[in-house]
Amino acid sequence: MSVLVLFAAVLGFLAVALGAFGAHGLEGRLDAQGLGWWQTATTYLMVHAVAALAVALSGRPGFFLWGGWSVALGALVFAGTLYAMALGAPRWLGAVTPLGGLGMLIGWAMIGWAALRLS
């Protein structure tokens, strides 16, 4: 089994579990900004878990596979920092969040490049 498939499954699980926790367990405990961060983190985590899973299941090596890893790890950093800040972690973590976004962008670029090379 592909390690990326397992990693994508864990990210998808976390997105569902943390999304439900945010909707039910944190209701009334977070301000509007914190809830926004939580929702954004959950959305990005799930979308990129599905993307990484699709890449892993495609069985394509090279830039496809590296792109899948990049979107998955980028989503983990992006969402993780937003979740942490929503729960009260220091705001300086907001400076790390764009690194996760950059990882996702690089991953999408790699997947696109690989697709162009195949056509």
PDB file of N, CA and C in Angstrom:
ATOM      1  N   MET A   1       0.847  -1.186   0.000  1.00  0.00           N
ATOM      2  CA  MET A   1       0.000   0.000   0.000  1.00  0.00           C
ATOM      3  C   MET A   1       0.886   1.241   0.000  1.00  0.00           C
ATOM      4  N   SER A   2       0.438   2.220  -0.709  1.00  0.00           N
ATOM      5  CA  SER A   2       1.172   3.480  -0.787  1.00  0.00           C
ATOM      6  C   SER A   2       1.103   4.220   0.546  1.00  0.00           C
ATOM      7  N   VAL A   3       2.231   4.729   0.976  1.00  0.00           N
ATOM      8  CA  VAL A   3       2.274   5.520   2.204  1.00  0.00           C
ATOM      9  C   VAL A   3       1.453   6.796   2.020  1.00  0.00           C
ATOM     10  N   LEU A   4       1.441   7.342   0.803  1.00  0.00           N
ATOM     11  CA  LEU A   4       0.652   8.546   0.546  1.00  0.00           C
ATOM     12  C   LEU A   4      -0.842   8.263   0.681  1.00  0.00           C
ATOM     13  N   VAL A   5      -1.310   7.082   0.303  1.00  0.00           N
ATOM     14  CA  VAL A   5      -2.718   6.717   0.493  1.00  0.00           C
ATOM     15  C   VAL A   5      -3.049   6.742   1.980  1.00  0.00           C
ATOM     16  N   LEU A   6      -2.205   6.154   2.786  1.00  0.00           N
ATOM     17  CA  LEU A   6      -2.420   6.135   4.230  1.00  0.00           C
ATOM     18  C   LEU A   6      -2.403   7.563   4.797  1.00  0.00           C
ATOM     19  N   PHE A   7      -1.442   8.357   4.373  1.00  0.00           N
ATOM     20  CA  PHE A   7      -1.338   9.735   4.858  1.00  0.00           C
ATOM     21  C   PHE A   7      -2.585  10.529   4.463  1.00  0.00           C
ATOM     22  N   ALA A   8      -3.047  10.363   3.235  1.00  0.00           N
ATOM     23  CA  ALA A   8      -4.255  11.056   2.774  1.00  0.00           C
ATOM     24  C   ALA A   8      -5.469  10.611   3.580  1.00  0.00           C
ATOM     25  N   ALA A   9      -5.552   9.331   3.890  1.00  0.00           N
ATOM     26  CA  ALA A   9      -6.666   8.831   4.695  1.00  0.00           C
ATOM     27  C   ALA A   9      -6.651   9.432   6.094  1.00  0.00           C
ATOM     28  N   VAL A  10      -5.474   9.555   6.679  1.00  0.00           N
ATOM     29  CA  VAL A  10      -5.356  10.174   8.004  1.00  0.00           C
ATOM     30  C   VAL A  10      -5.784  11.637   7.942  1.00  0.00           C
ATOM     31  N   LEU A  11      -5.354  12.363   6.898  1.00  0.00           N
ATOM     32  CA  LEU A  11      -5.764  13.763   6.756  1.00  0.00           C
ATOM     33  C   LEU A  11      -7.273  13.873   6.589  1.00  0.00           C
ATOM     34  N   GLY A  12      -7.869  13.003   5.789  1.00  0.00           N
ATOM     35  CA  GLY A  12      -9.323  13.022   5.614  1.00  0.00           C
ATOM     36  C   GLY A  12     -10.047  12.735   6.919  1.00  0.00           C
ATOM     37  N   PHE A  13      -9.559  11.748   7.662  1.00  0.00           N
ATOM     38  CA  PHE A  13     -10.136  11.429   8.973  1.00  0.00           C
ATOM     39  C   PHE A  13     -10.059  12.643   9.894  1.00  0.00           C
ATOM     40  N   LEU A  14      -8.877  13.262   9.945  1.00  0.00           N
ATOM     41  CA  LEU A  14      -8.705  14.438  10.796  1.00  0.00           C
ATOM     42  C   LEU A  14      -9.626  15.574  10.389  1.00  0.00           C
ATOM     43  N   ALA A  15      -9.804  15.771   9.090  1.00  0.00           N
ATOM     44  CA  ALA A  15     -10.682  16.843   8.620  1.00  0.00           C
ATOM     45  C   ALA A  15     -12.112  16.627   9.101  1.00  0.00           C
ATOM     46  N   VAL A  16     -12.604  15.401   9.011  1.00  0.00           N
ATOM     47  CA  VAL A  16     -13.963  15.108   9.464  1.00  0.00           C
ATOM     48  C   VAL A  16     -14.063  15.241  10.984  1.00  0.00           C
ATOM     49  N   ALA A  17     -13.125  14.643  11.700  1.00  0.00           N
ATOM     50  CA  ALA A  17     -13.169  14.671  13.161  1.00  0.00           C
ATOM     51  C   ALA A  17     -13.020  16.087  13.706  1.00  0.00           C
ATOM     52  N   LEU A  18     -12.060  16.839  13.169  1.00  0.00           N
ATOM     53  CA  LEU A  18     -11.848  18.204  13.648  1.00  0.00           C
ATOM     54  C   LEU A  18     -12.962  19.135  13.206  1.00  0.00           C
ATOM     55  N   GLY A  19     -13.534  18.890  12.037  1.00  0.00           N
ATOM     56  CA  GLY A  19     -14.682  19.678  11.601  1.00  0.00           C
ATOM     57  C   GLY A  19     -15.867  19.471  12.526  1.00  0.00           C
ATOM     58  N   ALA A  20     -16.134  18.219  12.892  1.00  0.00           N
ATOM     59  CA  ALA A  20     -17.234  17.920  13.815  1.00  0.00           C
ATOM     60  C   ALA A  20     -16.954  18.499  15.200  1.00  0.00           C
ATOM     61  N   PHE A  21     -15.720  18.385  15.647  1.00  0.00           N
ATOM     62  CA  PHE A  21     -15.347  18.950  16.946  1.00  0.00           C
ATOM     63  C   PHE A  21     -15.547  20.463  16.953  1.00  0.00           C
ATOM     64  N   GLY A  22     -15.152  21.110  15.864  1.00  0.00           N
ATOM     65  CA  GLY A  22     -15.330  22.558  15.776  1.00  0.00           C
ATOM     66  C   GLY A  22     -16.790  22.955  15.779  1.00  0.00           C
ATOM     67  N   ALA A  23     -17.614  22.185  15.089  1.00  0.00           N
ATOM     68  CA  ALA A  23     -19.034  22.512  14.988  1.00  0.00           C
ATOM     69  C   ALA A  23     -19.789  22.239  16.287  1.00  0.00           C
ATOM     70  N   HIS A  24     -19.368  21.227  17.033  1.00  0.00           N
ATOM     71  CA  HIS A  24     -20.125  20.832  18.217  1.00  0.00           C
ATOM     72  C   HIS A  24     -19.388  21.116  19.528  1.00  0.00           C
ATOM     73  N   GLY A  25     -18.112  20.800  19.567  1.00  0.00           N
ATOM     74  CA  GLY A  25     -17.361  20.946  20.810  1.00  0.00           C
ATOM     75  C   GLY A  25     -16.870  22.351  21.090  1.00  0.00           C
ATOM     76  N   LEU A  26     -16.720  23.137  20.040  1.00  0.00           N
ATOM     77  CA  LEU A  26     -16.194  24.485  20.233  1.00  0.00           C
ATOM     78  C   LEU A  26     -17.253  25.561  20.062  1.00  0.00           C
ATOM     79  N   GLU A  27     -18.479  25.149  19.829  1.00  0.00           N
ATOM     80  CA  GLU A  27     -19.566  26.111  19.652  1.00  0.00           C
ATOM     81  C   GLU A  27     -19.689  26.994  20.897  1.00  0.00           C
ATOM     82  N   GLY A  28     -19.636  28.287  20.679  1.00  0.00           N
ATOM     83  CA  GLY A  28     -19.738  29.230  21.783  1.00  0.00           C
ATOM     84  C   GLY A  28     -18.420  29.494  22.500  1.00  0.00           C
ATOM     85  N   ARG A  29     -17.374  28.756  22.148  1.00  0.00           N
ATOM     86  CA  ARG A  29     -16.075  28.927  22.800  1.00  0.00           C
ATOM     87  C   ARG A  29     -15.084  29.723  21.957  1.00  0.00           C
ATOM     88  N   LEU A  30     -15.351  29.799  20.647  1.00  0.00           N
ATOM     89  CA  LEU A  30     -14.461  30.539  19.754  1.00  0.00           C
ATOM     90  C   LEU A  30     -15.160  31.797  19.259  1.00  0.00           C
ATOM     91  N   ASP A  31     -14.389  32.847  19.083  1.00  0.00           N
ATOM     92  CA  ASP A  31     -14.956  34.057  18.487  1.00  0.00           C
ATOM     93  C   ASP A  31     -15.097  33.844  16.982  1.00  0.00           C
ATOM     94  N   ALA A  32     -15.623  34.845  16.295  1.00  0.00           N
ATOM     95  CA  ALA A  32     -15.863  34.717  14.852  1.00  0.00           C
ATOM     96  C   ALA A  32     -14.578  34.447  14.084  1.00  0.00           C
ATOM     97  N   GLN A  33     -13.493  35.104  14.463  1.00  0.00           N
ATOM     98  CA  GLN A  33     -12.228  34.886  13.771  1.00  0.00           C
ATOM     99  C   GLN A  33     -11.735  33.457  13.974  1.00  0.00           C
ATOM    100  N   GLY A  34     -11.817  32.970  15.198  1.00  0.00           N
ATOM    101  CA  GLY A  34     -11.398  31.599  15.485  1.00  0.00           C
ATOM    102  C   GLY A  34     -12.234  30.581  14.732  1.00  0.00           C
ATOM    103  N   LEU A  35     -13.545  30.807  14.668  1.00  0.00           N
ATOM    104  CA  LEU A  35     -14.410  29.897  13.910  1.00  0.00           C
ATOM    105  C   LEU A  35     -14.078  29.934  12.423  1.00  0.00           C
ATOM    106  N   GLY A  36     -13.773  31.114  11.924  1.00  0.00           N
ATOM    107  CA  GLY A  36     -13.370  31.234  10.522  1.00  0.00           C
ATOM    108  C   GLY A  36     -12.103  30.474  10.230  1.00  0.00           C
ATOM    109  N   TRP A  37     -11.123  30.605  11.128  1.00  0.00           N
ATOM    110  CA  TRP A  37      -9.871  29.855  10.964  1.00  0.00           C
ATOM    111  C   TRP A  37     -10.152  28.354  10.969  1.00  0.00           C
ATOM    112  N   TRP A  38     -11.002  27.928  11.895  1.00  0.00           N
ATOM    113  CA  TRP A  38     -11.319  26.503  12.024  1.00  0.00           C
ATOM    114  C   TRP A  38     -11.974  25.980  10.750  1.00  0.00           C
ATOM    115  N   GLN A  39     -12.940  26.714  10.239  1.00  0.00           N
ATOM    116  CA  GLN A  39     -13.642  26.292   9.023  1.00  0.00           C
ATOM    117  C   GLN A  39     -12.708  26.274   7.815  1.00  0.00           C
ATOM    118  N   THR A  40     -11.876  27.288   7.687  1.00  0.00           N
ATOM    119  CA  THR A  40     -10.925  27.325   6.580  1.00  0.00           C
ATOM    120  C   THR A  40      -9.958  26.153   6.663  1.00  0.00           C
ATOM    121  N   ALA A  41      -9.447  25.886   7.851  1.00  0.00           N
ATOM    122  CA  ALA A  41      -8.517  24.769   8.037  1.00  0.00           C
ATOM    123  C   ALA A  41      -9.167  23.447   7.645  1.00  0.00           C
ATOM    124  N   THR A  42     -10.404  23.243   8.079  1.00  0.00           N
ATOM    125  CA  THR A  42     -11.099  21.988   7.790  1.00  0.00           C
ATOM    126  C   THR A  42     -11.354  21.826   6.293  1.00  0.00           C
ATOM    127  N   THR A  43     -11.772  22.886   5.638  1.00  0.00           N
ATOM    128  CA  THR A  43     -12.033  22.823   4.200  1.00  0.00           C
ATOM    129  C   THR A  43     -10.768  22.500   3.426  1.00  0.00           C
ATOM    130  N   TYR A  44      -9.706  23.236   3.699  1.00  0.00           N
ATOM    131  CA  TYR A  44      -8.447  23.012   2.977  1.00  0.00           C
ATOM    132  C   TYR A  44      -7.878  21.627   3.269  1.00  0.00           C
ATOM    133  N   LEU A  45      -7.989  21.182   4.508  1.00  0.00           N
ATOM    134  CA  LEU A  45      -7.465  19.863   4.855  1.00  0.00           C
ATOM    135  C   LEU A  45      -8.198  18.769   4.084  1.00  0.00           C
ATOM    136  N   MET A  46      -9.519  18.859   4.016  1.00  0.00           N
ATOM    137  CA  MET A  46     -10.288  17.825   3.322  1.00  0.00           C
ATOM    138  C   MET A  46     -10.042  17.849   1.815  1.00  0.00           C
ATOM    139  N   VAL A  47     -10.077  19.014   1.221  1.00  0.00           N
ATOM    140  CA  VAL A  47      -9.875  19.112  -0.228  1.00  0.00           C
ATOM    141  C   VAL A  47      -8.513  18.550  -0.622  1.00  0.00           C
ATOM    142  N   HIS A  48      -7.495  18.870   0.154  1.00  0.00           N
ATOM    143  CA  HIS A  48      -6.154  18.426  -0.205  1.00  0.00           C
ATOM    144  C   HIS A  48      -5.903  16.968   0.184  1.00  0.00           C
ATOM    145  N   ALA A  49      -6.644  16.453   1.158  1.00  0.00           N
ATOM    146  CA  ALA A  49      -6.579  15.016   1.449  1.00  0.00           C
ATOM    147  C   ALA A  49      -7.119  14.233   0.265  1.00  0.00           C
ATOM    148  N   VAL A  50      -8.227  14.696  -0.295  1.00  0.00           N
ATOM    149  CA  VAL A  50      -8.814  14.027  -1.459  1.00  0.00           C
ATOM    150  C   VAL A  50      -7.876  14.127  -2.666  1.00  0.00           C
ATOM    151  N   ALA A  51      -7.276  15.298  -2.848  1.00  0.00           N
ATOM    152  CA  ALA A  51      -6.333  15.466  -3.967  1.00  0.00           C
ATOM    153  C   ALA A  51      -5.139  14.524  -3.820  1.00  0.00           C
ATOM    154  N   ALA A  52      -4.579  14.442  -2.618  1.00  0.00           N
ATOM    155  CA  ALA A  52      -3.435  13.553  -2.390  1.00  0.00           C
ATOM    156  C   ALA A  52      -3.834  12.095  -2.603  1.00  0.00           C
ATOM    157  N   LEU A  53      -5.036  11.741  -2.179  1.00  0.00           N
ATOM    158  CA  LEU A  53      -5.522  10.377  -2.384  1.00  0.00           C
ATOM    159  C   LEU A  53      -5.656  10.063  -3.875  1.00  0.00           C
ATOM    160  N   ALA A  54      -6.202  11.002  -4.632  1.00  0.00           N
ATOM    161  CA  ALA A  54      -6.350  10.800  -6.072  1.00  0.00           C
ATOM    162  C   ALA A  54      -4.990  10.611  -6.745  1.00  0.00           C
ATOM    163  N   VAL A  55      -4.038  11.425  -6.348  1.00  0.00           N
ATOM    164  CA  VAL A  55      -2.692  11.305  -6.918  1.00  0.00           C
ATOM    165  C   VAL A  55      -2.087   9.948  -6.548  1.00  0.00           C
ATOM    166  N   ALA A  56      -2.221   9.567  -5.289  1.00  0.00           N
ATOM    167  CA  ALA A  56      -1.643   8.297  -4.851  1.00  0.00           C
ATOM    168  C   ALA A  56      -2.283   7.120  -5.583  1.00  0.00           C
ATOM    169  N   LEU A  57      -3.588   7.174  -5.779  1.00  0.00           N
ATOM    170  CA  LEU A  57      -4.279   6.067  -6.439  1.00  0.00           C
ATOM    171  C   LEU A  57      -4.048   6.035  -7.944  1.00  0.00           C
ATOM    172  N   SER A  58      -3.578   7.155  -8.496  1.00  0.00           N
ATOM    173  CA  SER A  58      -3.285   7.176  -9.935  1.00  0.00           C
ATOM    174  C   SER A  58      -2.110   6.268 -10.276  1.00  0.00           C
ATOM    175  N   GLY A  59      -1.252   6.034  -9.300  1.00  0.00           N
ATOM    176  CA  GLY A  59      -0.098   5.172  -9.520  1.00  0.00           C
ATOM    177  C   GLY A  59       0.993   5.809 -10.365  1.00  0.00           C
ATOM    178  N   ARG A  60       0.887   7.085 -10.609  1.00  0.00           N
ATOM    179  CA  ARG A  60       1.888   7.772 -11.430  1.00  0.00           C
ATOM    180  C   ARG A  60       3.064   8.195 -10.572  1.00  0.00           C
ATOM    181  N   PRO A  61       4.267   7.945 -11.029  1.00  0.00           N
ATOM    182  CA  PRO A  61       5.453   8.318 -10.253  1.00  0.00           C
ATOM    183  C   PRO A  61       5.895   9.749 -10.550  1.00  0.00           C
ATOM    184  N   GLY A  62       7.028  10.095 -10.050  1.00  0.00           N
ATOM    185  CA  GLY A  62       7.664  11.371 -10.369  1.00  0.00           C
ATOM    186  C   GLY A  62       6.925  12.572  -9.830  1.00  0.00           C
ATOM    187  N   PHE A  63       6.742  13.561 -10.707  1.00  0.00           N
ATOM    188  CA  PHE A  63       6.147  14.813 -10.277  1.00  0.00           C
ATOM    189  C   PHE A  63       4.727  14.636  -9.753  1.00  0.00           C
ATOM    190  N   PHE A  64       3.965  13.670 -10.281  1.00  0.00           N
ATOM    191  CA  PHE A  64       2.631  13.417  -9.735  1.00  0.00           C
ATOM    192  C   PHE A  64       2.733  13.047  -8.255  1.00  0.00           C
ATOM    193  N   LEU A  65       3.585  12.082  -7.971  1.00  0.00           N
ATOM    194  CA  LEU A  65       3.724  11.616  -6.595  1.00  0.00           C
ATOM    195  C   LEU A  65       4.281  12.709  -5.691  1.00  0.00           C
ATOM    196  N   TRP A  66       5.313  13.411  -6.139  1.00  0.00           N
ATOM    197  CA  TRP A  66       5.878  14.492  -5.337  1.00  0.00           C
ATOM    198  C   TRP A  66       4.852  15.601  -5.131  1.00  0.00           C
ATOM    199  N   GLY A  67       4.063  15.870  -6.154  1.00  0.00           N
ATOM    200  CA  GLY A  67       3.004  16.873  -6.032  1.00  0.00           C
ATOM    201  C   GLY A  67       1.964  16.467  -5.006  1.00  0.00           C
ATOM    202  N   GLY A  68       1.620  15.185  -4.991  1.00  0.00           N
ATOM    203  CA  GLY A  68       0.667  14.685  -3.988  1.00  0.00           C
ATOM    204  C   GLY A  68       1.181  14.863  -2.579  1.00  0.00           C
ATOM    205  N   TRP A  69       2.457  14.547  -2.384  1.00  0.00           N
ATOM    206  CA  TRP A  69       3.065  14.743  -1.066  1.00  0.00           C
ATOM    207  C   TRP A  69       3.105  16.220  -0.694  1.00  0.00           C
ATOM    208  N   SER A  70       3.397  17.052  -1.658  1.00  0.00           N
ATOM    209  CA  SER A  70       3.502  18.483  -1.380  1.00  0.00           C
ATOM    210  C   SER A  70       2.151  19.075  -0.973  1.00  0.00           C
ATOM    211  N   VAL A  71       1.070  18.696  -1.678  1.00  0.00           N
ATOM    212  CA  VAL A  71      -0.240  19.228  -1.285  1.00  0.00           C
ATOM    213  C   VAL A  71      -0.657  18.682   0.074  1.00  0.00           C
ATOM    214  N   ALA A  72      -0.337  17.423   0.351  1.00  0.00           N
ATOM    215  CA  ALA A  72      -0.721  16.825   1.633  1.00  0.00           C
ATOM    216  C   ALA A  72       0.030  17.464   2.802  1.00  0.00           C
ATOM    217  N   LEU A  73       1.338  17.584   2.670  1.00  0.00           N
ATOM    218  CA  LEU A  73       2.129  18.179   3.754  1.00  0.00           C
ATOM    219  C   LEU A  73       1.832  19.671   3.899  1.00  0.00           C
ATOM    220  N   GLY A  74       1.638  20.352   2.769  1.00  0.00           N
ATOM    221  CA  GLY A  74       1.278  21.767   2.825  1.00  0.00           C
ATOM    222  C   GLY A  74      -0.041  21.975   3.539  1.00  0.00           C
ATOM    223  N   ALA A  75      -1.014  21.110   3.249  1.00  0.00           N
ATOM    224  CA  ALA A  75      -2.318  21.216   3.904  1.00  0.00           C
ATOM    225  C   ALA A  75      -2.200  20.967   5.403  1.00  0.00           C
ATOM    226  N   LEU A  76      -1.350  20.032   5.786  1.00  0.00           N
ATOM    227  CA  LEU A  76      -1.154  19.746   7.205  1.00  0.00           C
ATOM    228  C   LEU A  76      -0.577  20.953   7.933  1.00  0.00           C
ATOM    229  N   VAL A  77       0.410  21.593   7.347  1.00  0.00           N
ATOM    230  CA  VAL A  77       1.011  22.786   7.962  1.00  0.00           C
ATOM    231  C   VAL A  77      -0.003  23.933   7.987  1.00  0.00           C
ATOM    232  N   PHE A  78      -0.660  24.174   6.855  1.00  0.00           N
ATOM    233  CA  PHE A  78      -1.632  25.255   6.739  1.00  0.00           C
ATOM    234  C   PHE A  78      -2.749  25.086   7.768  1.00  0.00           C
ATOM    235  N   ALA A  79      -3.388  23.926   7.743  1.00  0.00           N
ATOM    236  CA  ALA A  79      -4.512  23.687   8.646  1.00  0.00           C
ATOM    237  C   ALA A  79      -4.053  23.612  10.102  1.00  0.00           C
ATOM    238  N   GLY A  80      -2.929  22.974  10.325  1.00  0.00           N
ATOM    239  CA  GLY A  80      -2.444  22.831  11.702  1.00  0.00           C
ATOM    240  C   GLY A  80      -2.195  24.159  12.383  1.00  0.00           C
ATOM    241  N   THR A  81      -1.614  25.096  11.659  1.00  0.00           N
ATOM    242  CA  THR A  81      -1.365  26.409  12.275  1.00  0.00           C
ATOM    243  C   THR A  81      -2.665  27.162  12.513  1.00  0.00           C
ATOM    244  N   LEU A  82      -3.620  27.031  11.596  1.00  0.00           N
ATOM    245  CA  LEU A  82      -4.913  27.695  11.803  1.00  0.00           C
ATOM    246  C   LEU A  82      -5.663  27.088  12.983  1.00  0.00           C
ATOM    247  N   TYR A  83      -5.675  25.761  13.083  1.00  0.00           N
ATOM    248  CA  TYR A  83      -6.312  25.106  14.230  1.00  0.00           C
ATOM    249  C   TYR A  83      -5.663  25.571  15.529  1.00  0.00           C
ATOM    250  N   ALA A  84      -4.351  25.599  15.540  1.00  0.00           N
ATOM    251  CA  ALA A  84      -3.631  25.995  16.755  1.00  0.00           C
ATOM    252  C   ALA A  84      -3.969  27.424  17.157  1.00  0.00           C
ATOM    253  N   MET A  85      -3.970  28.337  16.193  1.00  0.00           N
ATOM    254  CA  MET A  85      -4.290  29.729  16.519  1.00  0.00           C
ATOM    255  C   MET A  85      -5.737  29.870  16.980  1.00  0.00           C
ATOM    256  N   ALA A  86      -6.642  29.116  16.397  1.00  0.00           N
ATOM    257  CA  ALA A  86      -8.041  29.166  16.820  1.00  0.00           C
ATOM    258  C   ALA A  86      -8.188  28.733  18.272  1.00  0.00           C
ATOM    259  N   LEU A  87      -7.315  27.811  18.697  1.00  0.00           N
ATOM    260  CA  LEU A  87      -7.372  27.320  20.078  1.00  0.00           C
ATOM    261  C   LEU A  87      -6.535  28.156  21.037  1.00  0.00           C
ATOM    262  N   GLY A  88      -5.966  29.266  20.556  1.00  0.00           N
ATOM    263  CA  GLY A  88      -5.259  30.180  21.443  1.00  0.00           C
ATOM    264  C   GLY A  88      -3.748  30.180  21.335  1.00  0.00           C
ATOM    265  N   ALA A  89      -3.196  29.448  20.384  1.00  0.00           N
ATOM    266  CA  ALA A  89      -1.740  29.471  20.202  1.00  0.00           C
ATOM    267  C   ALA A  89      -1.307  30.879  19.800  1.00  0.00           C
ATOM    268  N   PRO A  90      -0.047  31.192  19.978  1.00  0.00           N
ATOM    269  CA  PRO A  90       0.433  32.544  19.643  1.00  0.00           C
ATOM    270  C   PRO A  90       0.179  32.903  18.183  1.00  0.00           C
ATOM    271  N   ARG A  91      -0.132  34.159  17.968  1.00  0.00           N
ATOM    272  CA  ARG A  91      -0.450  34.651  16.620  1.00  0.00           C
ATOM    273  C   ARG A  91       0.736  34.599  15.669  1.00  0.00           C
ATOM    274  N   TRP A  92       1.966  34.494  16.184  1.00  0.00           N
ATOM    275  CA  TRP A  92       3.118  34.431  15.292  1.00  0.00           C
ATOM    276  C   TRP A  92       3.060  33.188  14.410  1.00  0.00           C
ATOM    277  N   LEU A  93       2.261  32.195  14.808  1.00  0.00           N
ATOM    278  CA  LEU A  93       2.084  31.020  13.949  1.00  0.00           C
ATOM    279  C   LEU A  93       1.465  31.402  12.608  1.00  0.00           C
ATOM    280  N   GLY A  94       0.769  32.540  12.598  1.00  0.00           N
ATOM    281  CA  GLY A  94       0.207  33.029  11.346  1.00  0.00           C
ATOM    282  C   GLY A  94       1.278  33.276  10.292  1.00  0.00           C
ATOM    283  N   ALA A  95       2.508  33.485  10.721  1.00  0.00           N
ATOM    284  CA  ALA A  95       3.614  33.663   9.773  1.00  0.00           C
ATOM    285  C   ALA A  95       4.038  32.326   9.170  1.00  0.00           C
ATOM    286  N   VAL A  96       3.684  31.227   9.799  1.00  0.00           N
ATOM    287  CA  VAL A  96       4.023  29.896   9.292  1.00  0.00           C
ATOM    288  C   VAL A  96       2.944  29.392   8.329  1.00  0.00           C
ATOM    289  N   THR A  97       1.716  29.832   8.537  1.00  0.00           N
ATOM    290  CA  THR A  97       0.584  29.370   7.725  1.00  0.00           C
ATOM    291  C   THR A  97       0.847  29.490   6.223  1.00  0.00           C
ATOM    292  N   PRO A  98       1.384  30.623   5.729  1.00  0.00           N
ATOM    293  CA  PRO A  98       1.631  30.727   4.284  1.00  0.00           C
ATOM    294  C   PRO A  98       2.630  29.698   3.752  1.00  0.00           C
ATOM    295  N   LEU A  99       3.496  29.185   4.608  1.00  0.00           N
ATOM    296  CA  LEU A  99       4.407  28.130   4.147  1.00  0.00           C
ATOM    297  C   LEU A  99       3.621  26.882   3.753  1.00  0.00           C
ATOM    298  N   GLY A 100       2.575  26.602   4.500  1.00  0.00           N
ATOM    299  CA  GLY A 100       1.695  25.496   4.126  1.00  0.00           C
ATOM    300  C   GLY A 100       0.990  25.782   2.813  1.00  0.00           C
ATOM    301  N   GLY A 101       0.530  27.031   2.658  1.00  0.00           N
ATOM    302  CA  GLY A 101      -0.090  27.420   1.389  1.00  0.00           C
ATOM    303  C   GLY A 101       0.877  27.296   0.231  1.00  0.00           C
ATOM    304  N   LEU A 102       2.117  27.670   0.462  1.00  0.00           N
ATOM    305  CA  LEU A 102       3.140  27.546  -0.571  1.00  0.00           C
ATOM    306  C   LEU A 102       3.357  26.074  -0.939  1.00  0.00           C
ATOM    307  N   GLY A 103       3.369  25.213   0.060  1.00  0.00           N
ATOM    308  CA  GLY A 103       3.492  23.780  -0.207  1.00  0.00           C
ATOM    309  C   GLY A 103       2.353  23.264  -1.072  1.00  0.00           C
ATOM    310  N   MET A 104       1.133  23.733  -0.790  1.00  0.00           N
ATOM    311  CA  MET A 104      -0.004  23.318  -1.611  1.00  0.00           C
ATOM    312  C   MET A 104       0.140  23.840  -3.039  1.00  0.00           C
ATOM    313  N   LEU A 105       0.541  25.095  -3.186  1.00  0.00           N
ATOM    314  CA  LEU A 105       0.720  25.677  -4.523  1.00  0.00           C
ATOM    315  C   LEU A 105       1.797  24.938  -5.315  1.00  0.00           C
ATOM    316  N   ILE A 106       2.900  24.644  -4.659  1.00  0.00           N
ATOM    317  CA  ILE A 106       3.976  23.904  -5.328  1.00  0.00           C
ATOM    318  C   ILE A 106       3.471  22.526  -5.756  1.00  0.00           C
ATOM    319  N   GLY A 107       2.723  21.887  -4.890  1.00  0.00           N
ATOM    320  CA  GLY A 107       2.173  20.576  -5.221  1.00  0.00           C
ATOM    321  C   GLY A 107       1.260  20.620  -6.439  1.00  0.00           C
ATOM    322  N   TRP A 108       0.373  21.593  -6.479  1.00  0.00           N
ATOM    323  CA  TRP A 108      -0.512  21.720  -7.637  1.00  0.00           C
ATOM    324  C   TRP A 108       0.291  22.011  -8.900  1.00  0.00           C
ATOM    325  N   ALA A 109       1.309  22.847  -8.780  1.00  0.00           N
ATOM    326  CA  ALA A 109       2.150  23.144  -9.941  1.00  0.00           C
ATOM    327  C   ALA A 109       2.857  21.879 -10.432  1.00  0.00           C
ATOM    328  N   MET A 110       3.339  21.067  -9.511  1.00  0.00           N
ATOM    329  CA  MET A 110       4.016  19.828  -9.889  1.00  0.00           C
ATOM    330  C   MET A 110       3.053  18.860 -10.573  1.00  0.00           C
ATOM    331  N   ILE A 111       1.843  18.772 -10.056  1.00  0.00           N
ATOM    332  CA  ILE A 111       0.837  17.894 -10.669  1.00  0.00           C
ATOM    333  C   ILE A 111       0.503  18.403 -12.073  1.00  0.00           C
ATOM    334  N   GLY A 112       0.344  19.703 -12.210  1.00  0.00           N
ATOM    335  CA  GLY A 112       0.069  20.284 -13.523  1.00  0.00           C
ATOM    336  C   GLY A 112       1.216  20.065 -14.504  1.00  0.00           C
ATOM    337  N   TRP A 113       2.432  20.251 -14.024  1.00  0.00           N
ATOM    338  CA  TRP A 113       3.614  20.025 -14.863  1.00  0.00           C
ATOM    339  C   TRP A 113       3.679  18.575 -15.325  1.00  0.00           C
ATOM    340  N   ALA A 114       3.412  17.666 -14.410  1.00  0.00           N
ATOM    341  CA  ALA A 114       3.428  16.238 -14.775  1.00  0.00           C
ATOM    342  C   ALA A 114       2.356  15.923 -15.816  1.00  0.00           C
ATOM    343  N   ALA A 115       1.205  16.540 -15.672  1.00  0.00           N
ATOM    344  CA  ALA A 115       0.134  16.322 -16.643  1.00  0.00           C
ATOM    345  C   ALA A 115       0.529  16.855 -18.020  1.00  0.00           C
ATOM    346  N   LEU A 116       1.176  18.004 -18.062  1.00  0.00           N
ATOM    347  CA  LEU A 116       1.624  18.562 -19.337  1.00  0.00           C
ATOM    348  C   LEU A 116       2.665  17.672 -20.014  1.00  0.00           C
ATOM    349  N   ARG A 117       3.527  17.116 -19.210  1.00  0.00           N
ATOM    350  CA  ARG A 117       4.587  16.255 -19.755  1.00  0.00           C
ATOM    351  C   ARG A 117       4.018  14.966 -20.335  1.00  0.00           C
ATOM    352  N   LEU A 118       2.866  14.537 -19.851  1.00  0.00           N
ATOM    353  CA  LEU A 118       2.252  13.293 -20.347  1.00  0.00           C
ATOM    354  C   LEU A 118       1.470  13.514 -21.640  1.00  0.00           C
ATOM    355  N   SER A 119       1.085  14.766 -21.915  1.00  0.00           N
ATOM    356  CA  SER A 119       0.252  14.994 -23.090  1.00  0.00           C
ATOM    357  C   SER A 119       1.042  15.214 -24.346  1.00  0.00           C
TER     358      SER A 119
END
